[in-house]
Amino acid sequence: MPEPPNSTTHSRFIEELFAIQREFSFRDPMFDAVRSGSMSRAGVRLWTLQASLFVRQFTRFISAIHANCPHRDAQQLLAENLWEEHGQGVRSRDHYSLIRKMARSLGATDRDLDDARPLQETDEYIAHCLKVTRELSFIESMTAIAVGIEIFMPVFFAALGESLCSKYGLTRDDVDYLLVHVAEDEAHSRRALELLESYADTQEVQEKAKRALREILLVKQRFALAVYNHSAGA
């Protein structure tokens, strides 16, 4: 797993979140398979189809956190995140539209995308994120999504995008879904950490947030391994 952002100026609580990340350290095998070119093009396509199912639901997670958030500055970040996920009002820039474009560049048809069925682990990952963001506190859900998912996306997606271009013949336009996250998720994560430092102000709240982080990391790992194994067989 890539290292978290430089944490030398962060609070003890944020350092503890990074320690949990290290405790559950996991290198998605898809990372090396695509960088080496050992994953077949059909396998990358299958991976993208499963990823698209998660991406389609991601705006619901952000909306749910926003609905449970009492703080205006955090609401602002979440609203910006949601607006970016929807392409800032440009339909072709909507992130689900972008990942569909990437899947088509790998040979998927619109029917393939529309008929894609989630693996059990994909279903479980989506269900877990919905439960966390709908039912837990703003601090717990922001920790799970921002620290558990978004914080490492810039490194993972940048490498994946570069490899899809160099090893699989895709263009930068084809992998735009990956590239937009390099800058966007880095900014989201930095600001989310600042908000968590401000509002996770009791030991009880911090312990709940750490538990939410541990749980989502386990579910995410099961999802990643299942999707890799599904894709590697193509």
C-alpha atoms as a PDB file:
ATOM      1  CA  MET A   1       0.000   0.000   0.000  1.00  0.00           C
ATOM      2  CA  PRO A   2       1.370   3.481  -0.792  1.00  0.00           C
ATOM      3  CA  GLU A   3       2.448   5.546   2.192  1.00  0.00           C
ATOM      4  CA  PRO A   4      -0.062   8.055   3.616  1.00  0.00           C
ATOM      5  CA  PRO A   5       0.562  11.766   3.201  1.00  0.00           C
ATOM      6  CA  ASN A   6       3.308  13.327   5.300  1.00  0.00           C
ATOM      7  CA  SER A   7       1.855  13.309   8.786  1.00  0.00           C
ATOM      8  CA  THR A   8       4.533  15.186  10.751  1.00  0.00           C
ATOM      9  CA  THR A   9       2.197  18.084  11.536  1.00  0.00           C
ATOM     10  CA  HIS A  10      -0.915  16.052  12.304  1.00  0.00           C
ATOM     11  CA  SER A  11      -2.536  15.480  15.672  1.00  0.00           C
ATOM     12  CA  ARG A  12      -2.210  12.297  17.704  1.00  0.00           C
ATOM     13  CA  PHE A  13      -5.657  11.197  16.480  1.00  0.00           C
ATOM     14  CA  ILE A  14      -4.714  11.519  12.801  1.00  0.00           C
ATOM     15  CA  GLU A  15      -1.447   9.705  13.498  1.00  0.00           C
ATOM     16  CA  GLU A  16      -3.509   6.889  15.024  1.00  0.00           C
ATOM     17  CA  LEU A  17      -5.633   6.703  11.875  1.00  0.00           C
ATOM     18  CA  PHE A  18      -2.459   6.383   9.793  1.00  0.00           C
ATOM     19  CA  ALA A  19      -1.248   3.675  12.170  1.00  0.00           C
ATOM     20  CA  ILE A  20      -4.451   1.731  11.517  1.00  0.00           C
ATOM     21  CA  GLN A  21      -3.813   2.084   7.792  1.00  0.00           C
ATOM     22  CA  ARG A  22      -0.365   0.577   8.315  1.00  0.00           C
ATOM     23  CA  GLU A  23      -1.788  -2.150  10.565  1.00  0.00           C
ATOM     24  CA  PHE A  24      -4.160  -3.188   7.774  1.00  0.00           C
ATOM     25  CA  SER A  25      -1.597  -2.562   5.058  1.00  0.00           C
ATOM     26  CA  PHE A  26      -2.674  -4.160   1.795  1.00  0.00           C
ATOM     27  CA  ARG A  27      -1.267  -3.901  -1.710  1.00  0.00           C
ATOM     28  CA  ASP A  28      -4.030  -4.485  -4.220  1.00  0.00           C
ATOM     29  CA  PRO A  29      -2.651  -7.162  -6.600  1.00  0.00           C
ATOM     30  CA  MET A  30      -4.329  -5.327  -9.471  1.00  0.00           C
ATOM     31  CA  PHE A  31      -1.774  -2.536  -8.952  1.00  0.00           C
ATOM     32  CA  ASP A  32       1.178  -4.739  -9.927  1.00  0.00           C
ATOM     33  CA  ALA A  33      -0.732  -6.805 -12.504  1.00  0.00           C
ATOM     34  CA  VAL A  34      -1.582  -3.719 -14.563  1.00  0.00           C
ATOM     35  CA  ARG A  35       1.794  -2.026 -14.062  1.00  0.00           C
ATOM     36  CA  SER A  36       3.548  -5.156 -15.344  1.00  0.00           C
ATOM     37  CA  GLY A  37       1.035  -5.729 -18.139  1.00  0.00           C
ATOM     38  CA  SER A  38       0.429  -9.289 -16.911  1.00  0.00           C
ATOM     39  CA  MET A  39      -3.322  -8.772 -16.530  1.00  0.00           C
ATOM     40  CA  SER A  40      -5.132  -9.474 -19.805  1.00  0.00           C
ATOM     41  CA  ARG A  41      -7.104  -6.713 -21.483  1.00  0.00           C
ATOM     42  CA  ALA A  42     -10.258  -8.754 -20.862  1.00  0.00           C
ATOM     43  CA  GLY A  43      -9.300  -8.950 -17.197  1.00  0.00           C
ATOM     44  CA  VAL A  44      -8.860  -5.187 -16.933  1.00  0.00           C
ATOM     45  CA  ARG A  45     -12.267  -4.833 -18.563  1.00  0.00           C
ATOM     46  CA  LEU A  46     -13.865  -7.124 -15.968  1.00  0.00           C
ATOM     47  CA  TRP A  47     -12.187  -5.158 -13.172  1.00  0.00           C
ATOM     48  CA  THR A  48     -13.530  -1.916 -14.624  1.00  0.00           C
ATOM     49  CA  LEU A  49     -17.065  -3.304 -14.855  1.00  0.00           C
ATOM     50  CA  GLN A  50     -17.038  -4.209 -11.161  1.00  0.00           C
ATOM     51  CA  ALA A  51     -15.483  -0.864 -10.262  1.00  0.00           C
ATOM     52  CA  SER A  52     -18.201   0.916 -12.243  1.00  0.00           C
ATOM     53  CA  LEU A  53     -20.870  -0.624 -10.028  1.00  0.00           C
ATOM     54  CA  PHE A  54     -19.217   0.914  -6.979  1.00  0.00           C
ATOM     55  CA  VAL A  55     -18.635   4.268  -8.680  1.00  0.00           C
ATOM     56  CA  ARG A  56     -22.314   4.437  -9.612  1.00  0.00           C
ATOM     57  CA  GLN A  57     -23.219   4.346  -5.906  1.00  0.00           C
ATOM     58  CA  PHE A  58     -20.472   6.630  -4.587  1.00  0.00           C
ATOM     59  CA  THR A  59     -22.543   9.813  -4.784  1.00  0.00           C
ATOM     60  CA  ARG A  60     -25.065   8.194  -2.428  1.00  0.00           C
ATOM     61  CA  PHE A  61     -22.342   7.779   0.198  1.00  0.00           C
ATOM     62  CA  ILE A  62     -21.340  11.442  -0.025  1.00  0.00           C
ATOM     63  CA  SER A  63     -24.984  12.549   0.089  1.00  0.00           C
ATOM     64  CA  ALA A  64     -25.605  10.474   3.200  1.00  0.00           C
ATOM     65  CA  ILE A  65     -22.599  11.934   5.020  1.00  0.00           C
ATOM     66  CA  HIS A  66     -23.754  15.436   4.067  1.00  0.00           C
ATOM     67  CA  ALA A  67     -27.238  14.723   5.422  1.00  0.00           C
ATOM     68  CA  ASN A  68     -25.774  13.657   8.772  1.00  0.00           C
ATOM     69  CA  CYS A  69     -23.244  16.480   9.032  1.00  0.00           C
ATOM     70  CA  PRO A  70     -24.019  19.425  11.377  1.00  0.00           C
ATOM     71  CA  HIS A  71     -21.000  21.581  10.466  1.00  0.00           C
ATOM     72  CA  ARG A  72     -21.164  24.149   7.673  1.00  0.00           C
ATOM     73  CA  ASP A  73     -17.495  23.929   6.698  1.00  0.00           C
ATOM     74  CA  ALA A  74     -17.695  20.146   6.410  1.00  0.00           C
ATOM     75  CA  GLN A  75     -20.973  20.442   4.499  1.00  0.00           C
ATOM     76  CA  GLN A  76     -19.159  22.723   2.053  1.00  0.00           C
ATOM     77  CA  LEU A  77     -16.456  20.133   1.406  1.00  0.00           C
ATOM     78  CA  LEU A  78     -19.013  17.371   0.951  1.00  0.00           C
ATOM     79  CA  ALA A  79     -21.102  19.522  -1.399  1.00  0.00           C
ATOM     80  CA  GLU A  80     -18.000  20.271  -3.489  1.00  0.00           C
ATOM     81  CA  ASN A  81     -17.124  16.567  -3.541  1.00  0.00           C
ATOM     82  CA  LEU A  82     -20.620  15.657  -4.685  1.00  0.00           C
ATOM     83  CA  TRP A  83     -20.596  18.364  -7.383  1.00  0.00           C
ATOM     84  CA  GLU A  84     -17.272  17.068  -8.700  1.00  0.00           C
ATOM     85  CA  GLU A  85     -18.582  13.486  -8.721  1.00  0.00           C
ATOM     86  CA  HIS A  86     -21.399  14.747 -10.936  1.00  0.00           C
ATOM     87  CA  GLY A  87     -18.939  16.422 -13.316  1.00  0.00           C
ATOM     88  CA  GLN A  88     -19.778  19.909 -12.062  1.00  0.00           C
ATOM     89  CA  GLY A  89     -23.010  19.737 -14.012  1.00  0.00           C
ATOM     90  CA  VAL A  90     -21.476  18.456 -17.263  1.00  0.00           C
ATOM     91  CA  ARG A  91     -23.002  15.062 -17.960  1.00  0.00           C
ATOM     92  CA  SER A  92     -20.026  13.741 -19.920  1.00  0.00           C
ATOM     93  CA  ARG A  93     -17.755  14.650 -16.968  1.00  0.00           C
ATOM     94  CA  ASP A  94     -19.877  12.788 -14.417  1.00  0.00           C
ATOM     95  CA  HIS A  95     -17.543  10.239 -12.846  1.00  0.00           C
ATOM     96  CA  TYR A  96     -19.838   7.336 -13.656  1.00  0.00           C
ATOM     97  CA  SER A  97     -19.905   8.507 -17.283  1.00  0.00           C
ATOM     98  CA  LEU A  98     -16.101   8.685 -17.251  1.00  0.00           C
ATOM     99  CA  ILE A  99     -15.643   5.144 -15.963  1.00  0.00           C
ATOM    100  CA  ARG A 100     -18.124   3.888 -18.565  1.00  0.00           C
ATOM    101  CA  LYS A 101     -15.973   5.594 -21.199  1.00  0.00           C
ATOM    102  CA  MET A 102     -12.909   3.831 -19.815  1.00  0.00           C
ATOM    103  CA  ALA A 103     -14.692   0.470 -19.899  1.00  0.00           C
ATOM    104  CA  ARG A 104     -15.700   1.058 -23.532  1.00  0.00           C
ATOM    105  CA  SER A 105     -12.078   1.853 -24.418  1.00  0.00           C
ATOM    106  CA  LEU A 106     -11.251  -1.641 -23.127  1.00  0.00           C
ATOM    107  CA  GLY A 107     -13.878  -3.230 -25.355  1.00  0.00           C
ATOM    108  CA  ALA A 108     -16.987  -3.192 -23.165  1.00  0.00           C
ATOM    109  CA  THR A 109     -20.321  -2.343 -24.760  1.00  0.00           C
ATOM    110  CA  ASP A 110     -23.064  -0.268 -23.198  1.00  0.00           C
ATOM    111  CA  ARG A 111     -25.012  -3.500 -22.801  1.00  0.00           C
ATOM    112  CA  ASP A 112     -22.066  -5.043 -20.925  1.00  0.00           C
ATOM    113  CA  LEU A 113     -22.111  -2.079 -18.577  1.00  0.00           C
ATOM    114  CA  ASP A 114     -25.876  -2.042 -18.134  1.00  0.00           C
ATOM    115  CA  ASP A 115     -26.047  -5.803 -17.556  1.00  0.00           C
ATOM    116  CA  ALA A 116     -22.998  -6.076 -15.266  1.00  0.00           C
ATOM    117  CA  ARG A 117     -23.800  -7.990 -12.100  1.00  0.00           C
ATOM    118  CA  PRO A 118     -21.878  -7.398  -8.893  1.00  0.00           C
ATOM    119  CA  LEU A 119     -19.795 -10.059  -7.240  1.00  0.00           C
ATOM    120  CA  GLN A 120     -20.920 -10.900  -3.717  1.00  0.00           C
ATOM    121  CA  GLU A 121     -17.985  -8.880  -2.362  1.00  0.00           C
ATOM    122  CA  THR A 122     -18.917  -5.900  -4.533  1.00  0.00           C
ATOM    123  CA  ASP A 123     -22.439  -6.010  -3.146  1.00  0.00           C
ATOM    124  CA  GLU A 124     -21.073  -6.282   0.377  1.00  0.00           C
ATOM    125  CA  TYR A 125     -18.714  -3.333  -0.127  1.00  0.00           C
ATOM    126  CA  ILE A 126     -21.511  -1.115  -1.427  1.00  0.00           C
ATOM    127  CA  ALA A 127     -23.885  -2.225   1.342  1.00  0.00           C
ATOM    128  CA  HIS A 128     -21.256  -1.560   3.999  1.00  0.00           C
ATOM    129  CA  CYS A 129     -20.565   1.952   2.694  1.00  0.00           C
ATOM    130  CA  LEU A 130     -24.287   2.723   2.608  1.00  0.00           C
ATOM    131  CA  LYS A 131     -24.733   1.473   6.166  1.00  0.00           C
ATOM    132  CA  VAL A 132     -21.756   3.438   7.486  1.00  0.00           C
ATOM    133  CA  THR A 133     -22.719   6.695   5.795  1.00  0.00           C
ATOM    134  CA  ARG A 134     -26.426   6.466   6.585  1.00  0.00           C
ATOM    135  CA  GLU A 135     -26.344   5.145  10.137  1.00  0.00           C
ATOM    136  CA  LEU A 136     -23.099   6.291  11.742  1.00  0.00           C
ATOM    137  CA  SER A 137     -22.033   9.763  12.799  1.00  0.00           C
ATOM    138  CA  PHE A 138     -20.479  12.312  10.484  1.00  0.00           C
ATOM    139  CA  ILE A 139     -17.062  11.702  12.053  1.00  0.00           C
ATOM    140  CA  GLU A 140     -17.256   7.923  11.653  1.00  0.00           C
ATOM    141  CA  SER A 141     -18.522   8.041   8.084  1.00  0.00           C
ATOM    142  CA  MET A 142     -16.065  10.721   6.948  1.00  0.00           C
ATOM    143  CA  THR A 143     -13.216   8.737   8.487  1.00  0.00           C
ATOM    144  CA  ALA A 144     -14.360   5.589   6.687  1.00  0.00           C
ATOM    145  CA  ILE A 145     -14.790   7.180   3.263  1.00  0.00           C
ATOM    146  CA  ALA A 146     -12.097   9.864   3.245  1.00  0.00           C
ATOM    147  CA  VAL A 147      -9.372   7.984   5.123  1.00  0.00           C
ATOM    148  CA  GLY A 148     -10.445   4.437   4.305  1.00  0.00           C
ATOM    149  CA  ILE A 149     -11.002   4.960   0.574  1.00  0.00           C
ATOM    150  CA  GLU A 150     -10.102   8.355  -0.880  1.00  0.00           C
ATOM    151  CA  ILE A 151      -6.745   9.090   0.706  1.00  0.00           C
ATOM    152  CA  PHE A 152      -4.769   6.553  -1.342  1.00  0.00           C
ATOM    153  CA  MET A 153      -6.640   6.953  -4.631  1.00  0.00           C
ATOM    154  CA  PRO A 154      -4.320   9.597  -6.133  1.00  0.00           C
ATOM    155  CA  VAL A 155      -1.287   7.280  -6.030  1.00  0.00           C
ATOM    156  CA  PHE A 156      -3.196   4.164  -7.094  1.00  0.00           C
ATOM    157  CA  PHE A 157      -5.143   5.839  -9.895  1.00  0.00           C
ATOM    158  CA  ALA A 158      -2.155   7.792 -11.233  1.00  0.00           C
ATOM    159  CA  ALA A 159      -0.117   4.586 -11.584  1.00  0.00           C
ATOM    160  CA  LEU A 160      -3.084   2.695 -13.034  1.00  0.00           C
ATOM    161  CA  GLY A 161      -3.777   5.409 -15.592  1.00  0.00           C
ATOM    162  CA  GLU A 162      -0.146   5.576 -16.673  1.00  0.00           C
ATOM    163  CA  SER A 163       0.035   1.776 -17.066  1.00  0.00           C
ATOM    164  CA  LEU A 164      -3.211   1.541 -19.021  1.00  0.00           C
ATOM    165  CA  CYS A 165      -1.751   4.022 -21.481  1.00  0.00           C
ATOM    166  CA  SER A 166       1.734   2.505 -21.720  1.00  0.00           C
ATOM    167  CA  LYS A 167       0.829  -1.199 -21.509  1.00  0.00           C
ATOM    168  CA  TYR A 168      -2.682  -1.379 -22.982  1.00  0.00           C
ATOM    169  CA  GLY A 169      -2.700   1.393 -25.580  1.00  0.00           C
ATOM    170  CA  LEU A 170      -5.320   3.620 -23.982  1.00  0.00           C
ATOM    171  CA  THR A 171      -5.166   7.403 -24.310  1.00  0.00           C
ATOM    172  CA  ARG A 172      -5.212   9.944 -21.500  1.00  0.00           C
ATOM    173  CA  ASP A 173      -8.752  10.801 -22.567  1.00  0.00           C
ATOM    174  CA  ASP A 174      -9.720   7.126 -22.165  1.00  0.00           C
ATOM    175  CA  VAL A 175      -8.417   7.074 -18.583  1.00  0.00           C
ATOM    176  CA  ASP A 176      -9.792  10.473 -17.603  1.00  0.00           C
ATOM    177  CA  TYR A 177     -11.825   8.828 -14.852  1.00  0.00           C
ATOM    178  CA  LEU A 178      -8.573   7.872 -13.113  1.00  0.00           C
ATOM    179  CA  LEU A 179      -6.747  11.126 -13.748  1.00  0.00           C
ATOM    180  CA  VAL A 180      -9.445  13.428 -12.367  1.00  0.00           C
ATOM    181  CA  HIS A 181      -9.097  11.697  -9.006  1.00  0.00           C
ATOM    182  CA  VAL A 182      -5.390  12.423  -8.728  1.00  0.00           C
ATOM    183  CA  ALA A 183      -5.952  16.095  -7.924  1.00  0.00           C
ATOM    184  CA  GLU A 184      -9.502  15.935  -6.581  1.00  0.00           C
ATOM    185  CA  ASP A 185      -9.032  13.170  -4.008  1.00  0.00           C
ATOM    186  CA  GLU A 186      -5.748  14.629  -2.762  1.00  0.00           C
ATOM    187  CA  ALA A 187      -7.503  17.907  -1.974  1.00  0.00           C
ATOM    188  CA  HIS A 188     -10.536  16.163  -0.462  1.00  0.00           C
ATOM    189  CA  SER A 189      -8.388  14.026   1.817  1.00  0.00           C
ATOM    190  CA  ARG A 190      -6.284  16.925   3.070  1.00  0.00           C
ATOM    191  CA  ARG A 191      -9.339  18.972   3.962  1.00  0.00           C
ATOM    192  CA  ALA A 192     -11.125  15.970   5.467  1.00  0.00           C
ATOM    193  CA  LEU A 193      -8.180  15.365   7.806  1.00  0.00           C
ATOM    194  CA  GLU A 194      -8.322  18.986   8.935  1.00  0.00           C
ATOM    195  CA  LEU A 195     -12.039  18.633   9.687  1.00  0.00           C
ATOM    196  CA  LEU A 196     -11.529  15.385  11.572  1.00  0.00           C
ATOM    197  CA  GLU A 197      -8.842  17.057  13.670  1.00  0.00           C
ATOM    198  CA  SER A 198     -11.295  19.837  14.531  1.00  0.00           C
ATOM    199  CA  TYR A 199     -14.460  17.848  15.262  1.00  0.00           C
ATOM    200  CA  ALA A 200     -13.299  14.467  16.597  1.00  0.00           C
ATOM    201  CA  ASP A 201     -12.812  16.167  19.937  1.00  0.00           C
ATOM    202  CA  THR A 202     -13.529  13.426  22.472  1.00  0.00           C
ATOM    203  CA  GLN A 203     -11.926  10.060  23.128  1.00  0.00           C
ATOM    204  CA  GLU A 204     -15.266   8.305  22.594  1.00  0.00           C
ATOM    205  CA  VAL A 205     -15.772   9.879  19.166  1.00  0.00           C
ATOM    206  CA  GLN A 206     -12.212   9.078  18.159  1.00  0.00           C
ATOM    207  CA  GLU A 207     -12.525   5.420  19.178  1.00  0.00           C
ATOM    208  CA  LYS A 208     -15.714   5.064  17.130  1.00  0.00           C
ATOM    209  CA  ALA A 209     -13.983   6.607  14.134  1.00  0.00           C
ATOM    210  CA  LYS A 210     -11.039   4.231  14.458  1.00  0.00           C
ATOM    211  CA  ARG A 211     -13.408   1.260  14.616  1.00  0.00           C
ATOM    212  CA  ALA A 212     -15.206   2.475  11.468  1.00  0.00           C
ATOM    213  CA  LEU A 213     -11.859   2.757   9.693  1.00  0.00           C
ATOM    214  CA  ARG A 214     -10.778  -0.772  10.652  1.00  0.00           C
ATOM    215  CA  GLU A 215     -14.082  -2.214   9.464  1.00  0.00           C
ATOM    216  CA  ILE A 216     -14.094  -0.533   6.074  1.00  0.00           C
ATOM    217  CA  LEU A 217     -10.483  -1.471   5.401  1.00  0.00           C
ATOM    218  CA  LEU A 218     -11.344  -5.145   5.902  1.00  0.00           C
ATOM    219  CA  VAL A 219     -14.389  -4.952   3.616  1.00  0.00           C
ATOM    220  CA  LYS A 220     -12.402  -3.059   0.976  1.00  0.00           C
ATOM    221  CA  GLN A 221      -9.635  -5.668   1.031  1.00  0.00           C
ATOM    222  CA  ARG A 222     -12.141  -8.496   0.516  1.00  0.00           C
ATOM    223  CA  PHE A 223     -13.632  -6.585  -2.413  1.00  0.00           C
ATOM    224  CA  ALA A 224     -10.235  -5.906  -3.999  1.00  0.00           C
ATOM    225  CA  LEU A 225      -9.104  -9.522  -3.750  1.00  0.00           C
ATOM    226  CA  ALA A 226     -12.388 -10.872  -5.084  1.00  0.00           C
ATOM    227  CA  VAL A 227     -12.395  -8.514  -8.067  1.00  0.00           C
ATOM    228  CA  TYR A 228      -8.752  -9.280  -8.818  1.00  0.00           C
ATOM    229  CA  ASN A 229      -9.369 -13.050  -8.730  1.00  0.00           C
ATOM    230  CA  HIS A 230     -12.451 -12.605 -10.923  1.00  0.00           C
ATOM    231  CA  SER A 231     -10.443 -10.534 -13.409  1.00  0.00           C
ATOM    232  CA  ALA A 232      -7.287 -12.658 -13.390  1.00  0.00           C
ATOM    233  CA  GLY A 233      -9.230 -15.636 -14.757  1.00  0.00           C
ATOM    234  CA  ALA A 234     -10.104 -13.846 -18.003  1.00  0.00           C
END
